[in-house]
Amino acid sequence: MDMSNLSTTHHFDVIIVGSGGAGLSLALSLPQHFNIAVLAKSTLTDASTYFAQGGVAAVLDETDSIEQHIDDTMIAGAHLCELDAVKHTVEGGKPSVDFLLKHGVQFTLDEQEQLHLTREGGHSQRRIIHSADATGKAISTTLVQRAQEKKNIHIFENYIAIDLITSHKLGLKQQDNRAVGLYALDETTETVHTFLAPSTALACGGAMKAYLYTSNPDIATGDGIAMAYRAGCRVANMEFNQFHPTCLYHPQARSFLITEAMRGEGAYLRLPDGERFMLRFDERAELAPRDIVARAIDFEIKRLGIRHVWLDITHKSPEFVKEHFPTLYARLIELGIDITKDMIPVVPAAHYTCGGVMVDENSQTDIDGLYAIGETSYTGLHGANRMASNSLLECFVYGMSAARHIEQNFSADYKSPAVPAWDDTQVTNPDEDVVILQNWDELRATMWNYVGIVRTTKRLERALHRIEMLKREITEYYQDYQVSKNLIELRNLVLVSEMIVRCAMQRKESRGLHFTLDYPELSGELRKTVLTPPDFKVEQPLVNTDQAEYSMN
């Protein structure tokens, strides 16, 4: 139901920021008598879920086991995963698949009309359910359709959240801090609206638009992470930024990902002379975890002074390739690449934010009534490196967990405190939007050059210096001028970029996705990096994991 033309103050039972797999799984798991708002920054399908090509990891085959999936996840995460979170997520695999099937998602079947399972990097078994090579599209479009059919789910497209409203921000310091809603900009009318509810969920994706080259859609500007931090939530492990090893290198293709399932089905990575180089870096070759593959490609590109490497699946039959990768085949044919005959030029690109807002197994943050789900959150599942196709699984498991917790704690007697309307009487229209564009470009170039796949202390120090200067400029601009989508995103992105750098500076080791030439070895202790508001106080508590069962081998 579209409610975008109502007054500028809205009252709901639950507000959900984001329309990807995390947000919609929460919305569809809540009781139908709940009055729910779903805010989408763009269209409903403009979310990272829609662009996911791989699939959903779940233990469904009798040759597989929960224990194997847990082991694989712990190993891929460089043993920095929180064991309780891994168990909670993996055990939620079958219920998540049942949830998707119940809502009508069409997955690829095998010859026995059973769910076809493929394999991806880091997995010891075939456990990835998929819809050909466009799983995210199948999931996103189906869940969007189901949400649109629900009379209790009210959809606000082209609304970008500006900031959370909490009891402490309202001056109610005598009680625990509680989220009471948020302000959001209706981009169509350029009007700021107030949304109020006893429960608010941030499901607005990650922050990989902080980097110059990324596989992410434009919405991935760290909005949820930044808003939660400003409201008083702790944030953890922002130094672990996953670079997908294989994004298409082509002047006419923007942010086009080549699915990891292609390597899972036997594709090779090659140098210009045809050499398969991955065996020199890891015995698992092309099926090594993403951090290893991305660093290997980065190393070879820099060593040889080349712009890309090649992904080769031409040794498979044309029928096999077209059947397994129809979307990729069709898209690359448009670009003049026939993947049944031609190798694919690929480079790494920023892909996934493994850190985020700290939550418990119910997706509850440090603030009462505030939840974070999906890539916005830090559950402890991914550790130092996300294993392929665990992220969609996390969205559904924690979306359903949040729904149960919200329902159990809902009070019909809840009354929202008085909240002032958004006040923009003291600001003016921006006279030079080129300032935003300049700062945006400089920020992303700084992150790519200094906080990329391989880091050093000096690079991080340079990055922090530039980011602090940009942050001051952006803060002044935000205070003086009316808000716009670009300004809101830039304000969030510079804060999240600072978090990434500050976390990276605190990790004196190389682990998973964080690789620094100054500390190339693993530390003997398993610690997460926690940022506590409001002054970036950094703590490094030990990770809650069972060292006896999951030792650092």
Protein backbone atom coordinates (compact mmCIF):
# COMPACT_ATOMS: atom_id res chain seq x y z
CA MET A 1 0.00 0.00 0.00
CA ASP A 2 1.39 3.39 -1.02
CA MET A 3 0.99 6.02 1.71
CA SER A 4 3.52 8.57 0.49
CA ASN A 5 0.91 11.32 0.00
CA LEU A 6 -0.22 11.60 3.62
CA SER A 7 0.64 14.31 6.15
CA THR A 8 4.23 14.80 7.23
CA THR A 9 3.79 12.98 10.57
CA HIS A 10 3.10 9.24 10.52
CA HIS A 11 2.38 6.82 13.37
CA PHE A 12 3.07 3.11 12.98
CA ASP A 13 3.71 0.01 15.07
CA VAL A 14 6.97 -0.76 13.24
CA ILE A 15 9.16 1.33 10.93
CA ILE A 16 11.51 -0.56 8.62
CA VAL A 17 14.23 1.34 6.75
CA GLY A 18 15.17 -0.68 3.70
CA SER A 19 13.35 -2.92 1.24
CA GLY A 20 15.90 -5.69 0.65
CA GLY A 21 15.80 -9.25 1.94
CA ALA A 22 16.37 -8.21 5.56
CA GLY A 23 13.69 -5.53 5.71
CA LEU A 24 11.02 -7.45 3.80
CA SER A 25 11.60 -10.70 5.69
CA LEU A 26 10.93 -8.75 8.90
CA ALA A 27 7.84 -7.08 7.44
CA LEU A 28 6.39 -10.36 6.17
CA SER A 29 7.14 -12.20 9.42
CA LEU A 30 5.27 -9.73 11.65
CA PRO A 31 1.60 -10.37 12.53
CA GLN A 32 -0.85 -8.94 10.02
CA HIS A 33 -2.50 -6.73 12.63
CA PHE A 34 0.73 -4.74 12.96
CA ASN A 35 0.75 -1.40 11.15
CA ILE A 36 4.10 -1.36 9.30
CA ALA A 37 5.97 1.30 7.31
CA VAL A 38 8.67 0.29 4.82
CA LEU A 39 10.92 3.14 3.65
CA ALA A 40 12.86 2.61 0.44
CA LYS A 41 15.55 5.10 -0.51
CA SER A 42 14.82 4.46 -4.19
CA THR A 43 12.49 1.86 -5.69
CA LEU A 44 11.65 -1.26 -3.68
CA THR A 45 13.95 -3.50 -5.71
CA ASP A 46 16.90 -1.09 -5.67
CA ALA A 47 18.64 -3.04 -2.92
CA SER A 48 21.70 -5.26 -2.72
CA THR A 49 19.47 -8.34 -2.43
CA TYR A 50 18.15 -7.77 -5.95
CA PHE A 51 21.66 -7.86 -7.42
CA ALA A 52 22.83 -11.01 -5.60
CA GLN A 53 23.66 -13.63 -8.21
CA GLY A 54 24.80 -16.54 -6.04
CA GLY A 55 22.24 -17.90 -3.58
CA VAL A 56 21.32 -18.85 -0.04
CA ALA A 57 23.52 -21.21 1.98
CA ALA A 58 21.58 -23.84 3.92
CA VAL A 59 22.11 -27.43 5.04
CA LEU A 60 19.60 -29.40 2.97
CA ASP A 61 21.48 -32.44 1.68
CA GLU A 62 21.89 -35.63 3.71
CA THR A 63 25.63 -35.66 3.01
CA ASP A 64 25.92 -32.22 4.63
CA SER A 65 25.55 -31.25 8.28
CA ILE A 66 25.02 -28.25 10.56
CA GLU A 67 28.46 -28.93 12.04
CA GLN A 68 30.15 -28.79 8.62
CA HIS A 69 28.46 -25.50 7.76
CA ILE A 70 29.55 -24.08 11.12
CA ASP A 71 33.12 -25.30 10.58
CA ASP A 72 33.28 -23.81 7.09
CA THR A 73 31.97 -20.47 8.35
CA MET A 74 34.46 -20.33 11.22
CA ILE A 75 37.37 -21.15 8.91
CA ALA A 76 36.33 -18.63 6.27
CA GLY A 77 35.90 -15.98 8.99
CA ALA A 78 39.49 -16.59 10.17
CA HIS A 79 38.05 -17.88 13.49
CA LEU A 80 36.83 -14.43 14.45
CA CYS A 81 33.19 -15.43 14.10
CA GLU A 82 31.01 -15.46 17.22
CA LEU A 83 30.14 -19.14 17.65
CA ASP A 84 26.66 -18.49 19.10
CA ALA A 85 25.78 -16.30 16.11
CA VAL A 86 27.09 -18.87 13.64
CA LYS A 87 25.02 -21.65 15.26
CA HIS A 88 21.92 -19.46 15.39
CA THR A 89 22.27 -18.59 11.70
CA VAL A 90 23.16 -22.02 10.36
CA GLU A 91 20.39 -23.71 12.34
CA GLY A 92 18.01 -21.18 10.79
CA GLY A 93 18.87 -22.35 7.28
CA LYS A 94 16.00 -24.78 6.74
CA PRO A 95 13.37 -22.44 8.29
CA SER A 96 14.66 -19.64 6.04
CA VAL A 97 14.32 -21.77 2.93
CA ASP A 98 10.80 -22.79 4.04
CA PHE A 99 9.97 -19.08 4.50
CA LEU A 100 11.10 -18.27 0.97
CA LEU A 101 9.31 -21.24 -0.57
CA LYS A 102 6.12 -20.36 1.34
CA HIS A 103 6.16 -16.91 -0.23
CA GLY A 104 6.65 -18.37 -3.69
CA VAL A 105 10.31 -17.84 -4.54
CA GLN A 106 11.14 -20.05 -7.53
CA PHE A 107 14.49 -21.82 -7.09
CA THR A 108 16.31 -23.94 -9.67
CA LEU A 109 15.51 -27.66 -9.42
CA ASP A 110 17.65 -30.67 -10.35
CA GLU A 111 16.67 -33.63 -12.52
CA GLN A 112 14.82 -35.20 -9.57
CA GLU A 113 12.79 -32.01 -9.11
CA GLN A 114 14.62 -31.29 -5.87
CA LEU A 115 16.31 -27.99 -5.03
CA HIS A 116 19.53 -27.81 -7.02
CA LEU A 117 22.53 -27.18 -4.78
CA THR A 118 25.68 -25.51 -6.03
CA ARG A 119 28.96 -24.83 -4.28
CA GLU A 120 30.90 -21.61 -3.69
CA GLY A 121 34.22 -20.58 -2.17
CA GLY A 122 34.81 -21.70 1.40
CA HIS A 123 32.03 -24.32 1.39
CA SER A 124 33.05 -27.96 1.78
CA GLN A 125 29.68 -29.15 0.43
CA ARG A 126 27.12 -28.20 -2.17
CA ARG A 127 24.64 -26.23 -0.06
CA ILE A 128 23.75 -23.13 -2.10
CA ILE A 129 20.16 -22.97 -3.31
CA HIS A 130 19.77 -20.59 -6.22
CA SER A 131 17.54 -19.34 -9.02
CA ALA A 132 19.88 -19.88 -11.96
CA ASP A 133 22.39 -17.01 -11.66
CA ALA A 134 19.86 -14.36 -10.59
CA THR A 135 18.82 -15.55 -7.14
CA GLY A 136 18.60 -12.09 -5.63
CA LYS A 137 16.26 -10.90 -8.36
CA ALA A 138 13.94 -13.87 -7.79
CA ILE A 139 13.90 -13.31 -4.03
CA SER A 140 13.55 -9.53 -4.20
CA THR A 141 10.76 -9.40 -6.76
CA THR A 142 8.79 -12.12 -4.97
CA LEU A 143 9.06 -10.57 -1.51
CA VAL A 144 8.27 -7.11 -2.91
CA GLN A 145 5.13 -8.51 -4.54
CA ARG A 146 4.06 -10.17 -1.27
CA ALA A 147 4.65 -6.94 0.67
CA GLN A 148 2.61 -4.93 -1.84
CA GLU A 149 -0.28 -7.37 -1.39
CA LYS A 150 -0.40 -6.82 2.39
CA LYS A 151 -2.82 -4.12 3.51
CA ASN A 152 -0.91 -3.60 6.76
CA ILE A 153 2.41 -2.86 5.02
CA HIS A 154 2.64 0.75 3.88
CA ILE A 155 5.34 1.55 1.35
CA PHE A 156 7.22 4.84 1.02
CA GLU A 157 9.47 4.85 -2.04
CA ASN A 158 12.11 7.54 -2.59
CA TYR A 159 12.27 8.32 1.13
CA ILE A 160 15.74 8.59 2.65
CA ALA A 161 16.12 8.44 6.43
CA ILE A 162 18.01 11.40 7.87
CA ASP A 163 18.40 10.57 11.56
CA LEU A 164 16.85 8.56 14.35
CA ILE A 165 14.73 10.17 17.04
CA THR A 166 15.45 8.83 20.53
CA SER A 167 14.24 9.63 24.02
CA HIS A 168 17.68 10.98 24.97
CA LYS A 169 17.74 13.29 21.94
CA LEU A 170 14.37 14.59 23.14
CA GLY A 171 15.90 15.39 26.53
CA LEU A 172 14.32 12.46 28.39
CA LYS A 173 17.59 11.45 30.05
CA GLN A 174 15.99 10.04 33.21
CA GLN A 175 15.07 6.82 31.37
CA ASP A 176 16.96 4.31 29.23
CA ASN A 177 17.57 5.50 25.72
CA ARG A 178 14.76 4.38 23.42
CA ALA A 179 14.15 4.79 19.69
CA VAL A 180 10.85 6.52 19.01
CA GLY A 181 11.15 7.03 15.25
CA LEU A 182 13.05 8.98 12.64
CA TYR A 183 13.07 11.89 10.22
CA ALA A 184 13.08 11.08 6.49
CA LEU A 185 13.30 13.17 3.34
CA ASP A 186 10.67 12.61 0.66
CA GLU A 187 12.91 13.15 -2.34
CA THR A 188 9.97 13.66 -4.68
CA THR A 189 8.51 16.66 -2.82
CA GLU A 190 11.72 17.65 -0.98
CA THR A 191 9.75 17.53 2.27
CA VAL A 192 11.00 16.09 5.57
CA HIS A 193 8.54 13.71 7.26
CA THR A 194 8.40 12.43 10.84
CA PHE A 195 7.84 8.70 11.37
CA LEU A 196 7.00 7.51 14.90
CA ALA A 197 6.73 3.94 16.24
CA PRO A 198 7.67 1.87 19.30
CA SER A 199 9.95 -0.29 17.08
CA THR A 200 12.32 0.82 14.34
CA ALA A 201 14.47 -1.51 12.23
CA LEU A 202 17.48 -0.46 10.16
CA ALA A 203 17.84 -2.78 7.18
CA CYS A 204 19.47 -0.41 4.74
CA GLY A 205 22.51 -2.38 3.64
CA GLY A 206 26.23 -1.76 3.90
CA ALA A 207 28.69 1.01 3.10
CA MET A 208 30.75 -0.10 0.13
CA LYS A 209 29.98 3.04 -1.86
CA ALA A 210 32.78 4.42 0.30
CA TYR A 211 35.09 2.89 -2.31
CA LEU A 212 35.78 4.13 -5.81
CA TYR A 213 35.16 0.70 -7.35
CA THR A 214 32.30 -1.34 -5.96
CA SER A 215 29.81 -4.00 -6.98
CA ASN A 216 27.12 -2.36 -4.84
CA PRO A 217 24.10 -0.33 -5.95
CA ASP A 218 24.14 3.40 -5.24
CA ILE A 219 22.04 2.98 -2.08
CA ALA A 220 24.93 1.35 -0.14
CA THR A 221 26.12 4.47 1.70
CA GLY A 222 26.17 3.18 5.28
CA ASP A 223 23.05 5.10 6.32
CA GLY A 224 21.90 2.67 9.00
CA ILE A 225 25.34 2.28 10.54
CA ALA A 226 25.89 6.04 10.70
CA MET A 227 22.42 6.81 12.09
CA ALA A 228 22.69 4.13 14.77
CA TYR A 229 26.13 5.34 15.84
CA ARG A 230 24.95 8.95 16.09
CA ALA A 231 22.03 7.73 18.22
CA GLY A 232 24.37 5.94 20.67
CA CYS A 233 24.85 2.38 19.36
CA ARG A 234 28.15 0.53 19.36
CA VAL A 235 29.62 -0.50 16.03
CA ALA A 236 32.08 -3.37 15.52
CA ASN A 237 34.64 -4.77 13.05
CA MET A 238 34.37 -2.08 10.40
CA GLU A 239 37.90 -2.86 9.21
CA PHE A 240 36.66 -6.02 7.49
CA ASN A 241 35.54 -4.89 4.04
CA GLN A 242 35.08 -7.67 1.55
CA PHE A 243 36.33 -7.14 -1.97
CA HIS A 244 34.62 -9.45 -4.42
CA PRO A 245 37.37 -11.03 -6.52
CA THR A 246 35.54 -10.98 -9.83
CA CYS A 247 33.81 -7.85 -11.08
CA LEU A 248 33.64 -7.35 -14.82
CA TYR A 249 36.34 -5.04 -16.20
CA HIS A 250 34.64 -3.32 -19.12
CA PRO A 251 34.22 0.36 -20.04
CA GLN A 252 30.50 -0.06 -20.75
CA ALA A 253 29.63 -2.04 -17.62
CA ARG A 254 29.18 -0.33 -14.29
CA SER A 255 29.40 -2.40 -11.09
CA PHE A 256 28.66 -5.70 -12.83
CA LEU A 257 29.46 -8.72 -10.69
CA ILE A 258 30.57 -12.08 -12.04
CA THR A 259 29.04 -14.58 -9.63
CA GLU A 260 31.25 -16.75 -7.46
CA ALA A 261 29.09 -19.69 -8.52
CA MET A 262 30.96 -19.62 -11.82
CA ARG A 263 34.14 -20.58 -9.97
CA GLY A 264 32.06 -23.04 -7.96
CA GLU A 265 31.11 -24.73 -11.22
CA GLY A 266 34.72 -24.99 -12.40
CA ALA A 267 35.83 -21.66 -13.89
CA TYR A 268 39.57 -20.88 -13.73
CA LEU A 269 41.37 -17.61 -13.03
CA ARG A 270 44.16 -16.98 -15.55
CA LEU A 271 46.91 -14.48 -16.27
CA PRO A 272 47.32 -12.96 -19.76
CA ASP A 273 49.67 -15.82 -20.71
CA GLY A 274 47.03 -18.35 -19.71
CA GLU A 275 48.60 -19.47 -16.42
CA ARG A 276 46.25 -20.60 -13.65
CA PHE A 277 47.81 -18.68 -10.78
CA MET A 278 45.57 -19.41 -7.79
CA LEU A 279 47.31 -22.69 -6.98
CA ARG A 280 50.41 -20.65 -6.09
CA PHE A 281 48.44 -18.89 -3.35
CA ASP A 282 46.14 -21.55 -1.88
CA GLU A 283 45.62 -25.29 -2.31
CA ARG A 284 41.87 -24.64 -2.75
CA ALA A 285 42.74 -22.58 -5.84
CA GLU A 286 39.71 -20.74 -7.26
CA LEU A 287 37.53 -22.03 -4.40
CA ALA A 288 39.57 -20.36 -1.67
CA PRO A 289 37.69 -17.78 0.44
CA ARG A 290 37.14 -14.40 -1.16
CA ASP A 291 39.79 -12.52 0.81
CA ILE A 292 42.51 -14.87 -0.44
CA VAL A 293 41.33 -14.78 -4.04
CA ALA A 294 40.96 -10.98 -4.05
CA ARG A 295 44.47 -10.47 -2.60
CA ALA A 296 45.94 -12.91 -5.10
CA ILE A 297 44.37 -11.06 -8.02
CA ASP A 298 45.45 -7.70 -6.58
CA PHE A 299 49.00 -9.01 -6.16
CA GLU A 300 49.21 -10.29 -9.74
CA ILE A 301 47.74 -7.08 -11.19
CA LYS A 302 50.32 -5.00 -9.36
CA ARG A 303 53.20 -7.42 -10.01
CA LEU A 304 52.59 -7.54 -13.75
CA GLY A 305 51.31 -4.00 -14.19
CA ILE A 306 48.09 -5.22 -15.82
CA ARG A 307 44.56 -3.87 -15.52
CA HIS A 308 42.75 -7.16 -14.93
CA VAL A 309 43.01 -10.95 -14.93
CA TRP A 310 40.82 -13.43 -16.80
CA LEU A 311 38.02 -15.75 -15.67
CA ASP A 312 37.73 -18.76 -17.95
CA ILE A 313 34.86 -21.25 -18.21
CA THR A 314 35.34 -22.05 -21.91
CA HIS A 315 36.42 -25.62 -21.06
CA LYS A 316 32.80 -26.38 -20.07
CA SER A 317 30.22 -27.21 -22.76
CA PRO A 318 28.22 -24.28 -24.17
CA GLU A 319 25.01 -25.98 -23.05
CA PHE A 320 26.28 -26.23 -19.46
CA VAL A 321 27.33 -22.58 -19.39
CA LYS A 322 24.06 -21.26 -20.85
CA GLU A 323 21.96 -23.41 -18.52
CA HIS A 324 23.81 -22.43 -15.34
CA PHE A 325 24.50 -18.77 -16.15
CA PRO A 326 21.76 -17.50 -18.48
CA THR A 327 21.71 -13.96 -17.10
CA LEU A 328 25.48 -13.56 -17.29
CA TYR A 329 25.59 -15.10 -20.75
CA ALA A 330 22.96 -12.74 -22.12
CA ARG A 331 24.45 -9.62 -20.51
CA LEU A 332 27.99 -10.36 -21.66
CA ILE A 333 26.83 -11.15 -25.20
CA GLU A 334 25.49 -7.58 -25.25
CA LEU A 335 29.01 -6.40 -24.40
CA GLY A 336 30.63 -8.53 -27.08
CA ILE A 337 31.84 -11.34 -24.81
CA ASP A 338 30.67 -14.91 -25.51
CA ILE A 339 31.55 -16.74 -22.29
CA THR A 340 31.28 -20.12 -24.03
CA LYS A 341 34.25 -19.06 -26.18
CA ASP A 342 35.83 -15.99 -24.56
CA MET A 343 37.51 -15.43 -21.22
CA ILE A 344 36.06 -12.67 -19.01
CA PRO A 345 38.21 -9.70 -17.86
CA VAL A 346 37.76 -9.31 -14.08
CA VAL A 347 39.06 -7.18 -11.19
CA PRO A 348 38.28 -7.07 -7.45
CA ALA A 349 35.80 -4.45 -6.22
CA ALA A 350 34.45 -3.46 -2.82
CA HIS A 351 31.51 -5.76 -2.15
CA TYR A 352 30.39 -6.32 1.44
CA THR A 353 30.58 -4.69 4.89
CA CYS A 354 31.29 -7.44 7.42
CA GLY A 355 31.10 -5.09 10.41
CA GLY A 356 28.17 -2.97 11.50
CA VAL A 357 25.81 -2.11 14.33
CA MET A 358 26.19 -4.54 17.22
CA VAL A 359 23.06 -6.66 17.82
CA ASP A 360 22.02 -9.75 19.76
CA GLU A 361 20.35 -12.83 18.28
CA ASN A 362 17.05 -10.90 18.17
CA SER A 363 18.65 -8.11 16.08
CA GLN A 364 18.24 -5.75 19.06
CA THR A 365 20.81 -2.94 19.28
CA ASP A 366 22.06 -1.08 22.36
CA ILE A 367 18.97 1.16 22.16
CA ASP A 368 15.54 -0.15 23.21
CA GLY A 369 13.16 -0.46 20.31
CA LEU A 370 15.92 -0.22 17.69
CA TYR A 371 16.87 -3.20 15.54
CA ALA A 372 19.50 -3.66 12.85
CA ILE A 373 19.31 -6.46 10.29
CA GLY A 374 21.37 -7.70 7.36
CA GLU A 375 24.47 -5.88 6.18
CA THR A 376 23.75 -2.94 8.49
CA SER A 377 24.32 -5.18 11.50
CA TYR A 378 27.20 -6.91 13.21
CA THR A 379 25.81 -10.22 14.43
CA GLY A 380 29.16 -11.98 14.78
CA LEU A 381 28.41 -14.37 11.91
CA HIS A 382 31.02 -13.24 9.40
CA GLY A 383 34.08 -12.69 11.58
CA ALA A 384 37.02 -11.47 9.52
CA ASN A 385 35.56 -12.60 6.18
CA ARG A 386 32.03 -13.39 5.01
CA MET A 387 31.62 -16.80 3.43
CA ALA A 388 29.72 -16.75 0.16
CA SER A 389 25.91 -16.89 0.39
CA ASN A 390 25.83 -16.66 4.19
CA SER A 391 24.69 -13.04 3.93
CA LEU A 392 21.25 -13.67 2.44
CA LEU A 393 20.77 -16.42 5.00
CA GLU A 394 21.62 -13.95 7.78
CA CYS A 395 18.98 -11.53 6.45
CA PHE A 396 16.18 -14.06 6.75
CA VAL A 397 17.26 -15.64 10.05
CA TYR A 398 17.64 -12.31 11.83
CA GLY A 399 14.62 -10.77 10.11
CA MET A 400 12.45 -13.55 11.53
CA SER A 401 14.17 -13.31 14.93
CA ALA A 402 13.50 -9.58 15.07
CA ALA A 403 9.85 -10.16 14.18
CA ARG A 404 9.42 -12.59 17.07
CA HIS A 405 11.11 -10.20 19.51
CA ILE A 406 9.05 -7.20 18.37
CA GLU A 407 5.82 -9.17 18.69
CA GLN A 408 6.71 -10.50 22.15
CA ASN A 409 7.59 -7.02 23.46
CA PHE A 410 4.81 -5.07 21.81
CA SER A 411 2.57 -3.04 24.10
CA ALA A 412 -0.77 -1.72 22.91
CA ASP A 413 -0.49 0.96 25.62
CA TYR A 414 2.63 2.52 24.09
CA LYS A 415 2.39 6.29 23.68
CA SER A 416 4.94 8.22 21.68
CA PRO A 417 6.52 11.23 23.39
CA ALA A 418 6.03 14.65 21.87
CA VAL A 419 8.38 15.06 18.92
CA PRO A 420 9.11 18.40 17.23
CA ALA A 421 8.70 18.67 13.49
CA TRP A 422 11.84 19.00 11.37
CA ASP A 423 13.06 22.61 11.52
CA ASP A 424 14.81 23.99 8.43
CA THR A 425 13.98 27.64 9.01
CA GLN A 426 17.59 28.50 9.84
CA VAL A 427 19.15 27.02 6.70
CA THR A 428 19.23 28.07 3.05
CA ASN A 429 19.19 26.34 -0.29
CA PRO A 430 22.67 25.18 -1.31
CA ASP A 431 24.24 27.46 -3.84
CA GLU A 432 26.96 25.12 -5.10
CA ASP A 433 26.23 21.39 -5.17
CA VAL A 434 29.64 20.94 -6.79
CA VAL A 435 31.03 20.96 -3.22
CA ILE A 436 29.16 17.72 -2.51
CA LEU A 437 30.38 16.14 -5.75
CA GLN A 438 33.98 17.13 -5.06
CA ASN A 439 33.93 15.78 -1.51
CA TRP A 440 32.22 12.58 -2.65
CA ASP A 441 34.88 11.89 -5.29
CA GLU A 442 37.75 12.74 -2.95
CA LEU A 443 36.41 10.51 -0.17
CA ARG A 444 35.98 7.47 -2.38
CA ALA A 445 39.39 7.90 -4.03
CA THR A 446 41.02 8.23 -0.60
CA MET A 447 39.39 5.04 0.62
CA TRP A 448 40.34 3.11 -2.52
CA ASN A 449 43.97 4.24 -2.53
CA TYR A 450 44.74 4.05 1.19
CA VAL A 451 42.21 1.65 2.79
CA GLY A 452 41.94 -1.01 0.11
CA ILE A 453 42.81 -4.70 -0.19
CA VAL A 454 46.37 -4.20 1.13
CA ARG A 455 46.99 -1.58 3.86
CA THR A 456 49.83 0.03 5.78
CA THR A 457 49.87 2.20 8.89
CA LYS A 458 51.07 5.18 6.89
CA ARG A 459 48.29 4.79 4.33
CA LEU A 460 45.71 4.62 7.11
CA GLU A 461 47.11 7.73 8.79
CA ARG A 462 46.94 9.63 5.50
CA ALA A 463 43.38 8.45 4.96
CA LEU A 464 42.29 9.53 8.44
CA HIS A 465 43.80 12.99 7.96
CA ARG A 466 41.92 13.52 4.70
CA ILE A 467 38.66 12.10 6.07
CA GLU A 468 38.76 14.35 9.14
CA MET A 469 39.13 17.40 6.90
CA LEU A 470 36.28 16.26 4.66
CA LYS A 471 34.12 15.54 7.69
CA ARG A 472 34.54 19.11 8.95
CA GLU A 473 33.59 20.53 5.56
CA ILE A 474 30.57 18.25 5.23
CA THR A 475 29.39 18.98 8.77
CA GLU A 476 29.50 22.74 8.10
CA TYR A 477 27.62 22.25 4.85
CA TYR A 478 24.98 20.09 6.58
CA GLN A 479 24.44 22.73 9.26
CA ASP A 480 24.10 25.62 6.80
CA TYR A 481 22.03 24.21 3.95
CA GLN A 482 18.82 22.30 3.37
CA VAL A 483 19.20 18.55 3.25
CA SER A 484 19.28 16.64 -0.01
CA LYS A 485 19.74 12.97 -0.78
CA ASN A 486 23.35 13.49 -1.88
CA LEU A 487 24.17 15.48 1.26
CA ILE A 488 22.56 12.92 3.61
CA GLU A 489 24.45 10.09 1.94
CA LEU A 490 27.77 11.95 1.97
CA ARG A 491 27.36 12.82 5.67
CA ASN A 492 26.79 9.15 6.46
CA LEU A 493 29.53 7.89 4.19
CA VAL A 494 32.26 10.11 5.64
CA LEU A 495 31.36 8.96 9.16
CA VAL A 496 31.40 5.29 8.18
CA SER A 497 34.68 5.75 6.30
CA GLU A 498 36.19 7.19 9.48
CA MET A 499 34.93 4.13 11.37
CA ILE A 500 36.59 1.81 8.84
CA VAL A 501 39.93 3.60 9.19
CA ARG A 502 39.84 3.84 13.00
CA CYS A 503 39.03 0.14 13.31
CA ALA A 504 41.77 -0.77 10.83
CA MET A 505 44.33 1.28 12.78
CA GLN A 506 43.53 -0.68 15.93
CA ARG A 507 44.02 -4.13 14.43
CA LYS A 508 47.72 -4.94 14.78
CA GLU A 509 47.59 -8.13 12.74
CA SER A 510 46.55 -9.43 9.34
CA ARG A 511 43.40 -11.50 9.53
CA GLY A 512 40.81 -12.25 6.89
CA LEU A 513 39.87 -9.17 4.93
CA HIS A 514 42.20 -6.89 6.89
CA PHE A 515 45.71 -7.29 5.48
CA THR A 516 48.45 -4.85 6.48
CA LEU A 517 52.08 -5.00 5.42
CA ASP A 518 53.13 -3.64 8.84
CA TYR A 519 51.56 -6.57 10.74
CA PRO A 520 51.49 -9.51 8.31
CA GLU A 521 51.07 -12.23 10.97
CA LEU A 522 48.06 -13.42 12.95
CA SER A 523 47.72 -12.32 16.55
CA GLY A 524 47.49 -14.97 19.24
CA GLU A 525 44.23 -13.48 20.52
CA LEU A 526 40.81 -13.35 18.92
CA ARG A 527 39.44 -9.84 19.40
CA LYS A 528 36.75 -7.74 17.77
CA THR A 529 37.15 -4.01 17.30
CA VAL A 530 34.34 -2.05 18.97
CA LEU A 531 33.63 1.67 18.52
CA THR A 532 31.60 3.29 21.29
CA PRO A 533 29.86 6.68 20.76
CA PRO A 534 30.24 9.56 20.91
CA ASP A 535 34.03 9.93 20.70
CA PHE A 536 35.17 6.82 18.85
CA LYS A 537 36.35 5.12 22.02
CA VAL A 538 37.90 1.91 20.73
CA GLU A 539 37.78 -1.36 22.65
CA GLN A 540 39.11 -4.75 21.63
CA PRO A 541 37.23 -7.35 23.69
CA LEU A 542 37.87 -11.05 23.24
CA VAL A 543 35.48 -12.76 20.85
CA ASN A 544 32.93 -15.03 22.48
CA THR A 545 33.83 -18.33 20.82
CA ASP A 546 34.62 -21.84 21.99
CA GLN A 547 38.40 -22.09 21.64
CA ALA A 548 38.41 -25.76 22.58
CA GLU A 549 36.17 -26.87 19.73
CA TYR A 550 37.13 -24.23 17.15
CA SER A 551 40.83 -23.68 17.71
CA MET A 552 43.06 -21.57 15.49
CA ASN A 553 44.58 -24.18 13.26
